Amino acid sequence: MQQQVNSLPLPQWQIIKLTSVGYETITDLLSSTPLELSQAFFADAGIGHKDALQVLQVARAAAQVSEQLDSALIPVHQLLQSEQNRNPIVTFCAKLDEVLGGGIPLCKLTEFCGPPGIGKTQLCMQLAVSTQIIEECGGCNGSVIYIDTEGSFLPERLHDIAYSTVEYLKATVEKCDDKESAAKLSSFTPESIMKHVYCFRCFNYLEVIATVNILEDFIRNKNREVRLVIIDSIASPFRYSFDDLVVRTRVLNGIAQQLIRIATENELAVILTNHITMKFNTSTDSNQLLPALGETWGHACANRIILYMENSIRYARLYKSPQKQNATISFQIKTSGIRDSVSSTSELRTFETQSHTKRPKLS
């Protein structure tokens, strides 16, 4: 779409002069040189070469903005097709994958909230392995960036999950007699999985901010595309480091917007873990457990899952989602990673009518 000359931030008399000699669009204006403008069009008005050059600079800046806007306009049906063609990251808990619509979606921020020891880090390590599954088996075949702020990342535990995942996939492919996938799985080993998980250890919020700022350069320099960024946890460095909560909110919002842009432009998923805090509910006259970092932060993530334990059984509740209904499922943590609960309480419970997904699941 051609931008008109009268939309430029120029003095009105200059715009009138330009349009009177036939310059209707910015493209027409940029076809002339500064010398041509100063001699042919502005000579009688006393406009010199320097002023003509400034007019062209304004036109070029406006043209660049127009090009950026045109490139950002994407038809909705194209967005839908792109989303349907992307494999989500499976959690290896079939019920949780079903609740999420097939797994963790790419191009979005997903947050897992819960108390200490509920399994947030275990889930993150499971996803760090699942991300690297080859596309033929429903994976993303991508690398992982793991930002550890609590020192809870354990390479030995990651290796255990990687080994179990490799053995599971090989057994599944062998059972299906899929020779093509079996050949591609030959390079899918625990060692190759460990090589493609890049861990950053951050000890304060300044290091987190600095790491997020270099993410794009780091992602760009990797031969294998990054498909997952994990921050475990986002709450730890920010929760008690600010006396002014307004400043903390502003900093967190800046990080969230940056992560959203990185996720969208690079077609990767971002996983964040968060703590749980207690808030007094005046309507019920009782305490209520809520995710930390305040209500404003709650708007940053597209999907929010709360993990909790009841009667020695771990549960995951889809607390917020733009696509799926709120639902609660049970899960368990095994040596092999995150899996479905084997108890009778593992049946999917929804607060409204259950919606089913057609996406394939690995477990």
Foldseek 3Di string as FASTA:
>chain_A
DFAFLVVFPDDPVVSVQCVVVPRTTLVSLLVDALVCCCPPRCVVVPDHSVNSVVSNVSSVVVVVVVVVVVVPDDDPVVVVVVQVPDQAQAQQAVLVCFQVQRHFGFLFEEEEEEAPPLQPVLSVLSSLLSQCQDVVLRHPNFFEEEEEAPPPDDLVLSLLLQQLVLVLVLVVCVVVVPVVSNVVSVPRHSVVSSVRYHYHYDHAVVVVVVCLVCVVVVQVPDPGHHAEYEYEAPCVRQVPPDPDLVVSLVVLVVSLVSVSVVRNVRRHYYYHYFYWDWDQDPVVRGIDIDTDSDDSNVVSGQWYWYWDDDPNWIKIWGPHHPPGAIWMATWDQDSNTIYQDPDPRRDIDGPDDDDGHPDDHND
